[in-house]
Amino acid sequence: MSKKTGNNIRETLQEYVSRRVGRRGLYRALKEVYEAYREEKITLVDPDPPRNIIQYLKRIEYSLWFWTTVSIMILTTALVYLTDSVSVLMPLRYVAGSVTVLFLPGYVLVEALYPHEKDLSPLERLALSIGLSLAVVPLIGLVLNYTPWGIRLQPILTSISIYVYALALVAAYRKLHVLKLIKT
């Protein structure tokens, strides 16, 4: 349902894409929409944006990154305990553990520091995530070294899990705040 307001035409994303498909094909039309959005030629607005953190986390189109991060942490924790009895899962534990140690701590920090999608390109986010993980994880280990628990598997897994969950929630809150600022 297209509406003309001033110089702008207000229409749904589906109407906009349908109008552009024509002979181009769906893929090319979607690519053009994405490029127009990135170049700020068009503005995509959610007619019913989330108003609080619970609504934000329930809407998968906004919080897929959050639930993926939580799922990887849960998978890694489960694999650490399962591989003692099911050794065939050990290669999967190595992969999940590598992602957990080398990517997730930096990723949640980057998401918390730069909540707006346009702040960094995807490649910059990836590079910063890996680099910050390589800085944060040793700091967590250094702090653990001076505690009664020491540097062992359980305290490291627990500390990294708490860090990732806490910063993921902070990042989700900041992303919701940015979303509210854009909508007003």
Foldseek 3Di string as FASTA:
>chain_A
DWDDDPPDIDDAPVVQLVVVDPPVHNVVSVVVVVVCVLVVVDDHDDPDDDDDLVSQCVDCVRCVVLVVLLVLLVVLVVLVVCCVPVVVCVVVNVVSVCCLQQAQLQLLVCLLVDVDCNPDDPVVSRVRRRVVSVVVLVVQLVVQCPDPNHDDDVSSSVSSSVSNNVSSSSSSRVNSVVSVVVND
